[in-house]
Amino acid sequence: MDWARIMAPVSGGEADHAVCQAGLSLARAFDAELALIHAPADVADLMPWIGDGFMGGVQASAIDSIRDAAQAGMRTAEGYVAQLAYAKTTFMSLTSPVWANLAMEGRLSDVVLFEGGAARGKGPLAEAFQQMVADEQRPTLVVKGELDPAGVVAVAWDGGKEASRAMRTSIPLLQKAAEVVVLSAHDATSRKFDPARLVAFLEARQVKARAVEVGGGGDAGPLLLGAARSCGAYL
């Protein structure tokens, strides 16, 4: 099944440009809707600080500032959308409750894109990234440079349920790739598995795949990342 709706939260900042361009590349590959969702700071989050039945000048000024920033961010984000010139682009600026509305948009999307800063806990969308991945458990791609759906993709495989879920969710994207490299680090795990079986599983689903064993002990993470760079994977 192809992906039909690609969602990218935006804040109205400079980082939106990269995620919009990556979303465009991905949406075009699937002839899918690109849903750019402006997620501003929520005025309701300020209410517990204000207190019941009271609003002083400082609090009122803070609320006005949040609303002004939301409007400015929305206009900037709309400018990025206009530059894309992609007919299947949709744009929405969320209102309170922002997080609940963003979560619903994620539930109605096949995959969610975030720029790299949010994934590192930086910028206005950092909390949204954590909530989308941890609370909503939505399939999420982190944009770090160009996103090339027809490039090389690395799949880390140890036969576990986590790797299986990531792999199965990604099959529509893997089918677009020029090549999929299955990376395994047997020396870094106690699990017993045969990467050739995953290659056969993928090939039965029209995915061009090959297996590469990553040698060396220690932590699997650095080994797999190094191997992904060596095979030229963009993802």
Protein backbone atom coordinates (compact mmCIF):
# COMPACT_ATOMS: atom_id res chain seq x y z
CA MET A 1 0.00 0.00 0.00
CA ASP A 2 1.38 3.40 -0.97
CA TRP A 3 1.52 6.36 1.36
CA ALA A 4 -1.29 8.81 0.59
CA ARG A 5 -0.73 11.56 3.18
CA ILE A 6 2.66 12.92 4.22
CA MET A 7 2.46 15.25 7.23
CA ALA A 8 5.06 17.81 8.31
CA PRO A 9 4.56 20.03 11.38
CA VAL A 10 5.96 23.54 10.85
CA SER A 11 6.55 26.45 13.23
CA GLY A 12 7.15 29.41 10.94
CA GLY A 13 10.91 29.33 11.48
CA GLU A 14 13.87 28.92 9.14
CA ALA A 15 14.00 25.17 9.75
CA ASP A 16 10.65 24.80 7.97
CA HIS A 17 12.33 25.22 4.58
CA ALA A 18 14.25 21.93 4.83
CA VAL A 19 11.30 19.90 6.04
CA CYS A 20 9.03 21.40 3.36
CA GLN A 21 11.50 20.48 0.62
CA ALA A 22 11.91 16.95 2.00
CA GLY A 23 8.15 16.58 2.27
CA LEU A 24 7.81 17.70 -1.34
CA SER A 25 10.29 15.06 -2.53
CA LEU A 26 8.50 12.34 -0.60
CA ALA A 27 5.00 13.41 -1.59
CA ARG A 28 5.92 13.55 -5.28
CA ALA A 29 7.34 10.03 -5.12
CA PHE A 30 3.97 8.73 -3.96
CA ASP A 31 1.76 11.31 -5.71
CA ALA A 32 0.52 11.92 -2.16
CA GLU A 33 -0.97 14.82 -0.24
CA LEU A 34 1.63 16.94 1.54
CA ALA A 35 -0.04 18.24 4.69
CA LEU A 36 1.92 21.10 6.27
CA ILE A 37 0.56 21.68 9.76
CA HIS A 38 1.42 24.91 11.55
CA ALA A 39 1.67 24.12 15.26
CA PRO A 40 2.03 27.39 17.22
CA ALA A 41 2.49 27.78 20.96
CA ASP A 42 -0.82 27.18 22.73
CA VAL A 43 -2.24 30.05 24.80
CA ALA A 44 -4.02 27.45 26.94
CA ASP A 45 -0.63 26.25 28.20
CA LEU A 46 -0.22 29.65 29.86
CA MET A 47 -3.47 29.46 31.82
CA PRO A 48 -2.21 27.45 34.82
CA TRP A 49 0.43 30.13 35.37
CA ILE A 50 -2.12 32.92 35.20
CA GLY A 51 -4.38 31.37 37.82
CA ASP A 52 -8.16 31.18 38.08
CA GLY A 53 -10.13 34.39 37.82
CA PHE A 54 -7.18 36.74 37.49
CA MET A 55 -5.33 38.32 34.60
CA GLY A 56 -2.83 41.06 35.31
CA GLY A 57 -1.11 43.29 32.81
CA VAL A 58 1.96 41.05 32.53
CA GLN A 59 -0.14 37.96 31.89
CA ALA A 60 -2.31 39.70 29.32
CA SER A 61 0.78 41.00 27.55
CA ALA A 62 2.23 37.47 27.47
CA ILE A 63 -0.94 36.11 25.88
CA ASP A 64 -0.93 38.87 23.28
CA SER A 65 2.72 38.11 22.49
CA ILE A 66 1.96 34.42 21.99
CA ARG A 67 -0.94 35.24 19.68
CA ASP A 68 1.14 37.72 17.69
CA ALA A 69 3.96 35.20 17.34
CA ALA A 70 1.48 32.56 16.16
CA GLN A 71 0.15 34.89 13.47
CA ALA A 72 3.65 35.83 12.32
CA GLY A 73 4.68 32.17 12.22
CA MET A 74 1.60 31.25 10.24
CA ARG A 75 2.34 33.91 7.61
CA THR A 76 5.94 32.72 7.28
CA ALA A 77 4.86 29.10 6.96
CA GLU A 78 2.30 30.06 4.33
CA GLY A 79 5.14 31.66 2.37
CA TYR A 80 7.08 28.37 2.35
CA VAL A 81 3.95 26.55 1.18
CA ALA A 82 3.45 28.97 -1.70
CA GLN A 83 7.02 28.36 -2.89
CA LEU A 84 6.45 24.61 -3.24
CA ALA A 85 4.00 24.92 -6.13
CA TYR A 86 2.75 21.36 -5.54
CA ALA A 87 -0.94 20.89 -6.31
CA LYS A 88 -1.51 18.34 -3.54
CA THR A 89 -0.15 20.56 -0.78
CA THR A 90 -2.55 21.43 2.03
CA PHE A 91 -1.92 23.87 4.85
CA MET A 92 -3.55 24.19 8.26
CA SER A 93 -2.78 26.40 11.25
CA LEU A 94 -3.90 24.71 14.45
CA THR A 95 -5.84 26.37 17.24
CA SER A 96 -6.15 25.41 20.89
CA PRO A 97 -5.87 22.63 21.98
CA VAL A 98 -2.88 22.55 19.64
CA TRP A 99 -1.37 19.26 20.81
CA ALA A 100 -4.66 17.34 20.64
CA ASN A 101 -5.30 18.67 17.14
CA LEU A 102 -1.74 17.87 16.03
CA ALA A 103 -2.09 14.34 17.38
CA MET A 104 -5.27 13.85 15.36
CA GLU A 105 -3.54 15.05 12.18
CA GLY A 106 -0.76 12.54 12.85
CA ARG A 107 -3.27 9.71 13.29
CA LEU A 108 -4.71 10.53 9.88
CA SER A 109 -1.31 10.55 8.14
CA ASP A 110 0.88 7.72 6.88
CA VAL A 111 4.16 9.24 7.99
CA VAL A 112 5.28 12.39 9.85
CA LEU A 113 8.36 14.47 8.99
CA PHE A 114 10.34 16.57 11.48
CA GLU A 115 13.45 18.66 10.98
CA GLY A 116 16.59 17.52 12.77
CA GLY A 117 16.57 20.21 15.47
CA ALA A 118 13.26 19.01 16.90
CA ALA A 119 14.62 15.47 17.14
CA ARG A 120 17.60 16.82 19.13
CA GLY A 121 15.30 18.58 21.58
CA LYS A 122 15.81 22.04 20.09
CA GLY A 123 13.37 24.60 18.73
CA PRO A 124 9.62 25.14 19.04
CA LEU A 125 8.69 21.66 17.75
CA ALA A 126 10.91 19.65 20.13
CA GLU A 127 8.07 18.74 22.47
CA ALA A 128 5.79 17.93 19.53
CA PHE A 129 8.43 15.51 18.20
CA GLN A 130 8.70 13.72 21.54
CA GLN A 131 4.93 13.45 21.88
CA MET A 132 4.46 12.24 18.30
CA VAL A 133 7.09 9.52 18.68
CA ALA A 134 6.63 8.47 22.30
CA ASP A 135 2.94 9.10 22.96
CA GLU A 136 1.41 8.68 19.51
CA GLN A 137 4.04 6.21 18.22
CA ARG A 138 3.56 7.48 14.69
CA PRO A 139 5.95 6.52 11.87
CA THR A 140 8.37 9.45 11.84
CA LEU A 141 11.20 10.54 9.55
CA VAL A 142 13.85 13.02 10.72
CA VAL A 143 15.04 15.30 7.93
CA LYS A 144 18.81 15.77 7.82
CA GLY A 145 19.58 17.20 4.42
CA GLU A 146 18.19 15.99 1.12
CA LEU A 147 15.58 13.25 1.15
CA ASP A 148 15.90 11.04 -1.93
CA PRO A 149 13.16 8.37 -2.18
CA ALA A 150 15.04 6.75 -5.09
CA GLY A 151 18.34 6.52 -3.17
CA VAL A 152 19.92 3.86 -0.99
CA VAL A 153 18.25 2.94 2.32
CA ALA A 154 19.87 1.06 5.20
CA VAL A 155 17.75 -1.20 7.40
CA ALA A 156 19.19 -2.23 10.78
CA TRP A 157 18.09 -5.78 11.53
CA ASP A 158 18.43 -7.96 14.62
CA GLY A 159 15.27 -10.02 14.19
CA GLY A 160 13.51 -8.21 17.05
CA LYS A 161 9.98 -6.85 17.14
CA GLU A 162 11.19 -3.22 17.15
CA ALA A 163 13.23 -3.69 13.99
CA SER A 164 10.34 -5.63 12.45
CA ARG A 165 7.86 -2.84 13.13
CA ALA A 166 10.16 -0.19 11.66
CA MET A 167 10.85 -2.33 8.59
CA ARG A 168 7.20 -3.23 7.94
CA THR A 169 6.05 0.37 8.34
CA SER A 170 8.71 1.50 5.87
CA ILE A 171 7.92 -0.98 3.09
CA PRO A 172 6.20 1.62 0.83
CA LEU A 173 9.36 3.72 1.01
CA LEU A 174 11.68 0.73 0.63
CA GLN A 175 9.87 -0.20 -2.58
CA LYS A 176 10.87 3.19 -4.03
CA ALA A 177 14.56 2.83 -3.12
CA ALA A 178 17.24 2.00 -5.67
CA GLU A 179 18.66 -0.46 -3.15
CA VAL A 180 18.03 -1.55 0.42
CA VAL A 181 21.02 -2.69 2.47
CA VAL A 182 20.18 -4.94 5.43
CA LEU A 183 22.76 -4.23 8.14
CA SER A 184 23.34 -6.73 10.94
CA ALA A 185 25.83 -6.76 13.80
CA HIS A 186 25.75 -10.29 15.23
CA ASP A 187 28.68 -9.64 17.55
CA ALA A 188 26.79 -6.81 19.23
CA THR A 189 23.66 -8.77 20.17
CA SER A 190 22.72 -12.05 21.81
CA ARG A 191 19.82 -12.58 19.41
CA LYS A 192 19.96 -15.36 16.84
CA PHE A 193 18.70 -14.42 13.38
CA ASP A 194 19.41 -14.90 9.68
CA PRO A 195 19.52 -11.65 7.62
CA ALA A 196 19.02 -13.67 4.43
CA ARG A 197 15.46 -14.37 5.53
CA LEU A 198 14.71 -10.63 5.70
CA VAL A 199 16.24 -10.15 2.25
CA ALA A 200 13.90 -12.84 0.92
CA PHE A 201 10.95 -11.25 2.74
CA LEU A 202 11.69 -7.88 1.14
CA GLU A 203 12.35 -9.26 -2.33
CA ALA A 204 8.95 -10.97 -2.25
CA ARG A 205 7.53 -7.48 -1.81
CA GLN A 206 9.39 -5.96 -4.77
CA VAL A 207 12.22 -4.50 -2.68
CA LYS A 208 15.79 -4.75 -4.04
CA ALA A 209 17.79 -5.83 -1.00
CA ARG A 210 21.14 -7.28 0.02
CA ALA A 211 22.62 -8.18 3.40
CA VAL A 212 25.82 -6.77 4.90
CA GLU A 213 27.35 -8.08 8.12
CA VAL A 214 28.86 -5.34 10.29
CA GLY A 215 31.91 -6.74 12.05
CA GLY A 216 33.29 -5.79 15.44
CA GLY A 217 31.97 -5.92 18.98
CA GLY A 218 30.76 -3.19 21.29
CA ASP A 219 27.75 -0.96 20.88
CA ALA A 220 25.73 -1.73 17.75
CA GLY A 221 24.77 1.93 17.20
CA PRO A 222 28.13 3.33 16.02
CA LEU A 223 28.78 0.18 13.97
CA LEU A 224 25.48 0.49 12.12
CA LEU A 225 25.82 4.23 11.56
CA GLY A 226 29.29 3.78 10.14
CA ALA A 227 28.08 1.02 7.83
CA ALA A 228 25.14 3.15 6.69
CA ARG A 229 27.54 5.94 5.69
CA SER A 230 29.81 3.46 3.92
CA CYS A 231 27.01 2.11 1.75
CA GLY A 232 25.88 5.64 0.82
CA ALA A 233 22.46 5.44 2.49
CA TYR A 234 20.51 8.70 2.80
CA LEU A 235 18.15 7.06 5.33
